[in-house]
Amino acid sequence: MTQIPLFGQRVARIRQERGLSVQELATRARTTYQTIWRIETGAMKAPSIVLARRIARALGVGVDYLIGMFEEDEEESLSRTATLVG
């Protein structure tokens, strides 16, 4: 089983929250249904920055949010917690 990258998870969640179908998002982002589907299912792990920007705009969010740019890495967070506890 393939783990879906954060980008794909967030695209799917926000698309659903906005009440958009995969086809509606694809049209708004000027791409294909297949591309959005591949991103949401993890088949496409790293879309181009141009595509990521179009998707973000279509969803009304920033690319930084979709990629988790300002969030700590899980390993980094665990390391800090272990240091504080230990």
N, C-alpha and C. Protein backbone atom coordinates (compact mmCIF):
# COMPACT_ATOMS: atom_id res chain seq x y z
N MET A 1 0.84 -1.19 0.00
CA MET A 1 0.00 0.00 0.00
C MET A 1 0.89 1.25 0.00
N THR A 2 0.59 2.20 -0.87
CA THR A 2 1.36 3.42 -1.00
C THR A 2 0.85 4.47 -0.02
N GLN A 3 1.79 5.11 0.67
CA GLN A 3 1.40 6.20 1.55
C GLN A 3 1.24 7.46 0.70
N ILE A 4 0.12 8.14 0.87
CA ILE A 4 -0.16 9.33 0.08
C ILE A 4 0.58 10.51 0.70
N PRO A 5 1.36 11.23 -0.10
CA PRO A 5 2.08 12.40 0.41
C PRO A 5 1.11 13.45 0.95
N LEU A 6 1.61 14.29 1.85
CA LEU A 6 0.81 15.34 2.47
C LEU A 6 0.12 16.21 1.42
N PHE A 7 0.82 16.56 0.35
CA PHE A 7 0.24 17.38 -0.71
C PHE A 7 -1.05 16.75 -1.23
N GLY A 8 -1.00 15.49 -1.58
CA GLY A 8 -2.18 14.78 -2.10
C GLY A 8 -3.29 14.68 -1.09
N GLN A 9 -2.94 14.42 0.16
CA GLN A 9 -3.95 14.34 1.21
C GLN A 9 -4.68 15.66 1.37
N ARG A 10 -3.91 16.74 1.37
CA ARG A 10 -4.52 18.06 1.57
C ARG A 10 -5.34 18.50 0.36
N VAL A 11 -4.87 18.20 -0.83
CA VAL A 11 -5.64 18.53 -2.02
C VAL A 11 -7.00 17.84 -1.95
N ALA A 12 -7.00 16.55 -1.65
CA ALA A 12 -8.26 15.79 -1.59
C ALA A 12 -9.18 16.34 -0.51
N ARG A 13 -8.63 16.61 0.67
CA ARG A 13 -9.46 17.08 1.78
C ARG A 13 -10.08 18.44 1.48
N ILE A 14 -9.27 19.37 0.99
CA ILE A 14 -9.77 20.72 0.72
C ILE A 14 -10.76 20.69 -0.44
N ARG A 15 -10.47 19.89 -1.46
CA ARG A 15 -11.40 19.77 -2.58
C ARG A 15 -12.76 19.31 -2.10
N GLN A 16 -12.76 18.31 -1.22
CA GLN A 16 -14.02 17.79 -0.69
C GLN A 16 -14.72 18.82 0.20
N GLU A 17 -13.95 19.53 1.03
CA GLU A 17 -14.53 20.57 1.88
C GLU A 17 -15.18 21.67 1.05
N ARG A 18 -14.60 21.95 -0.11
CA ARG A 18 -15.12 23.00 -0.99
C ARG A 18 -16.28 22.50 -1.85
N GLY A 19 -16.56 21.20 -1.75
CA GLY A 19 -17.65 20.61 -2.52
C GLY A 19 -17.36 20.48 -4.00
N LEU A 20 -16.09 20.34 -4.34
CA LEU A 20 -15.68 20.21 -5.74
C LEU A 20 -15.47 18.75 -6.12
N SER A 21 -15.83 18.41 -7.33
CA SER A 21 -15.49 17.09 -7.84
C SER A 21 -14.05 17.14 -8.35
N VAL A 22 -13.49 15.98 -8.62
CA VAL A 22 -12.13 15.93 -9.18
C VAL A 22 -12.11 16.68 -10.52
N GLN A 23 -13.15 16.48 -11.32
CA GLN A 23 -13.21 17.15 -12.63
C GLN A 23 -13.31 18.66 -12.49
N GLU A 24 -14.11 19.14 -11.53
CA GLU A 24 -14.23 20.59 -11.32
C GLU A 24 -12.90 21.21 -10.91
N LEU A 25 -12.18 20.54 -10.01
CA LEU A 25 -10.87 21.05 -9.61
C LEU A 25 -9.91 21.03 -10.79
N ALA A 26 -9.93 19.95 -11.55
CA ALA A 26 -9.05 19.85 -12.73
C ALA A 26 -9.31 21.00 -13.70
N THR A 27 -10.57 21.29 -13.95
CA THR A 27 -10.92 22.38 -14.86
C THR A 27 -10.43 23.71 -14.32
N ARG A 28 -10.67 23.98 -13.05
CA ARG A 28 -10.24 25.23 -12.44
C ARG A 28 -8.72 25.38 -12.43
N ALA A 29 -8.01 24.26 -12.27
CA ALA A 29 -6.54 24.28 -12.22
C ALA A 29 -5.92 24.10 -13.61
N ARG A 30 -6.74 24.03 -14.64
CA ARG A 30 -6.28 23.86 -16.02
C ARG A 30 -5.38 22.63 -16.18
N THR A 31 -5.90 21.52 -15.69
CA THR A 31 -5.19 20.26 -15.84
C THR A 31 -6.23 19.18 -16.12
N THR A 32 -5.83 17.93 -16.05
CA THR A 32 -6.75 16.83 -16.35
C THR A 32 -7.26 16.15 -15.08
N TYR A 33 -8.38 15.48 -15.25
CA TYR A 33 -8.95 14.66 -14.17
C TYR A 33 -7.90 13.66 -13.68
N GLN A 34 -7.22 13.03 -14.62
CA GLN A 34 -6.23 12.01 -14.29
C GLN A 34 -5.11 12.57 -13.43
N THR A 35 -4.68 13.79 -13.71
CA THR A 35 -3.60 14.39 -12.93
C THR A 35 -4.03 14.61 -11.49
N ILE A 36 -5.22 15.17 -11.29
CA ILE A 36 -5.72 15.39 -9.92
C ILE A 36 -5.88 14.06 -9.21
N TRP A 37 -6.45 13.07 -9.91
CA TRP A 37 -6.64 11.75 -9.32
C TRP A 37 -5.30 11.13 -8.91
N ARG A 38 -4.29 11.26 -9.77
CA ARG A 38 -2.97 10.70 -9.46
C ARG A 38 -2.35 11.39 -8.25
N ILE A 39 -2.54 12.70 -8.12
CA ILE A 39 -2.01 13.43 -6.96
C ILE A 39 -2.72 12.97 -5.69
N GLU A 40 -4.04 12.89 -5.74
CA GLU A 40 -4.81 12.52 -4.55
C GLU A 40 -4.60 11.07 -4.11
N THR A 41 -4.25 10.20 -5.03
CA THR A 41 -4.04 8.79 -4.68
C THR A 41 -2.58 8.45 -4.40
N GLY A 42 -1.70 9.43 -4.61
CA GLY A 42 -0.28 9.20 -4.34
C GLY A 42 0.49 8.64 -5.52
N ALA A 43 -0.18 8.45 -6.65
CA ALA A 43 0.51 7.94 -7.84
C ALA A 43 1.48 8.99 -8.39
N MET A 44 1.16 10.28 -8.19
CA MET A 44 2.07 11.36 -8.55
C MET A 44 2.51 12.01 -7.24
N LYS A 45 3.75 11.84 -6.91
CA LYS A 45 4.24 12.31 -5.62
C LYS A 45 4.75 13.75 -5.64
N ALA A 46 5.25 14.21 -6.77
CA ALA A 46 5.86 15.54 -6.82
C ALA A 46 5.43 16.29 -8.07
N PRO A 47 4.26 16.94 -8.02
CA PRO A 47 3.85 17.73 -9.19
C PRO A 47 4.77 18.94 -9.36
N SER A 48 4.78 19.48 -10.55
CA SER A 48 5.61 20.67 -10.80
C SER A 48 5.12 21.84 -9.96
N ILE A 49 5.98 22.83 -9.75
CA ILE A 49 5.60 24.00 -8.98
C ILE A 49 4.50 24.77 -9.69
N VAL A 50 4.52 24.78 -11.01
CA VAL A 50 3.47 25.47 -11.78
C VAL A 50 2.12 24.80 -11.52
N LEU A 51 2.09 23.49 -11.58
CA LEU A 51 0.85 22.75 -11.32
C LEU A 51 0.41 22.93 -9.87
N ALA A 52 1.34 22.83 -8.94
CA ALA A 52 1.00 23.01 -7.53
C ALA A 52 0.39 24.38 -7.29
N ARG A 53 0.93 25.40 -7.94
CA ARG A 53 0.40 26.76 -7.79
C ARG A 53 -1.01 26.88 -8.37
N ARG A 54 -1.24 26.27 -9.51
CA ARG A 54 -2.58 26.31 -10.11
C ARG A 54 -3.61 25.61 -9.24
N ILE A 55 -3.22 24.48 -8.67
CA ILE A 55 -4.12 23.74 -7.77
C ILE A 55 -4.40 24.56 -6.53
N ALA A 56 -3.37 25.13 -5.94
CA ALA A 56 -3.54 25.95 -4.73
C ALA A 56 -4.49 27.12 -5.00
N ARG A 57 -4.30 27.81 -6.12
CA ARG A 57 -5.18 28.93 -6.47
C ARG A 57 -6.61 28.46 -6.66
N ALA A 58 -6.79 27.34 -7.33
CA ALA A 58 -8.13 26.80 -7.57
C ALA A 58 -8.83 26.45 -6.26
N LEU A 59 -8.05 26.05 -5.26
CA LEU A 59 -8.61 25.68 -3.95
C LEU A 59 -8.69 26.86 -2.99
N GLY A 60 -8.04 27.97 -3.34
CA GLY A 60 -8.06 29.15 -2.47
C GLY A 60 -7.13 29.05 -1.28
N VAL A 61 -6.03 28.33 -1.44
CA VAL A 61 -5.03 28.20 -0.38
C VAL A 61 -3.65 28.46 -0.98
N GLY A 62 -2.64 28.55 -0.14
CA GLY A 62 -1.28 28.74 -0.62
C GLY A 62 -0.57 27.41 -0.83
N VAL A 63 0.39 27.42 -1.72
CA VAL A 63 1.21 26.23 -1.95
C VAL A 63 1.92 25.84 -0.66
N ASP A 64 2.34 26.84 0.12
CA ASP A 64 3.04 26.54 1.37
C ASP A 64 2.18 25.68 2.29
N TYR A 65 0.88 25.91 2.31
CA TYR A 65 0.00 25.08 3.14
C TYR A 65 -0.09 23.66 2.57
N LEU A 66 -0.27 23.55 1.27
CA LEU A 66 -0.42 22.23 0.65
C LEU A 66 0.81 21.35 0.86
N ILE A 67 1.99 21.95 0.90
CA ILE A 67 3.20 21.13 1.07
C ILE A 67 3.65 21.05 2.52
N GLY A 68 2.96 21.76 3.43
CA GLY A 68 3.34 21.71 4.84
C GLY A 68 4.65 22.40 5.11
N MET A 69 4.91 23.49 4.40
CA MET A 69 6.21 24.16 4.46
C MET A 69 6.61 24.64 5.85
N PHE A 70 5.68 25.11 6.62
CA PHE A 70 6.02 25.69 7.91
C PHE A 70 5.71 24.76 9.07
N GLU A 71 5.54 23.49 8.78
CA GLU A 71 5.30 22.51 9.83
C GLU A 71 6.58 21.74 10.09
N GLU A 72 6.78 21.38 11.34
CA GLU A 72 7.97 20.60 11.68
C GLU A 72 7.88 19.21 11.10
N ASP A 73 9.02 18.68 10.71
CA ASP A 73 9.05 17.28 10.30
C ASP A 73 8.72 16.43 11.51
N GLU A 74 8.06 15.33 11.29
CA GLU A 74 7.67 14.45 12.38
C GLU A 74 8.89 13.97 13.16
N GLU A 75 9.97 13.61 12.47
CA GLU A 75 11.18 13.14 13.14
C GLU A 75 11.81 14.24 13.99
N GLU A 76 11.82 15.45 13.45
CA GLU A 76 12.39 16.59 14.17
C GLU A 76 11.60 16.85 15.45
N SER A 77 10.28 16.77 15.35
CA SER A 77 9.42 16.98 16.50
C SER A 77 9.64 15.92 17.56
N LEU A 78 9.75 14.66 17.15
CA LEU A 78 9.99 13.58 18.09
C LEU A 78 11.35 13.71 18.77
N SER A 79 12.34 14.14 18.01
CA SER A 79 13.67 14.34 18.56
C SER A 79 13.67 15.42 19.65
N ARG A 80 12.99 16.52 19.38
CA ARG A 80 12.91 17.58 20.37
C ARG A 80 12.17 17.13 21.62
N THR A 81 11.08 16.37 21.44
CA THR A 81 10.33 15.87 22.57
C THR A 81 11.19 14.94 23.42
N ALA A 82 11.94 14.05 22.79
CA ALA A 82 12.80 13.13 23.51
C ALA A 82 13.87 13.88 24.30
N THR A 83 14.40 14.95 23.72
CA THR A 83 15.41 15.74 24.39
C THR A 83 14.83 16.45 25.61
N LEU A 84 13.62 16.96 25.47
CA LEU A 84 12.97 17.65 26.58
C LEU A 84 12.58 16.72 27.71
N VAL A 85 12.14 15.51 27.35
CA VAL A 85 11.69 14.53 28.35
C VAL A 85 12.89 13.85 29.00
N GLY A 86 13.86 13.47 28.20
CA GLY A 86 15.00 12.68 28.67
C GLY A 86 15.98 13.52 29.35
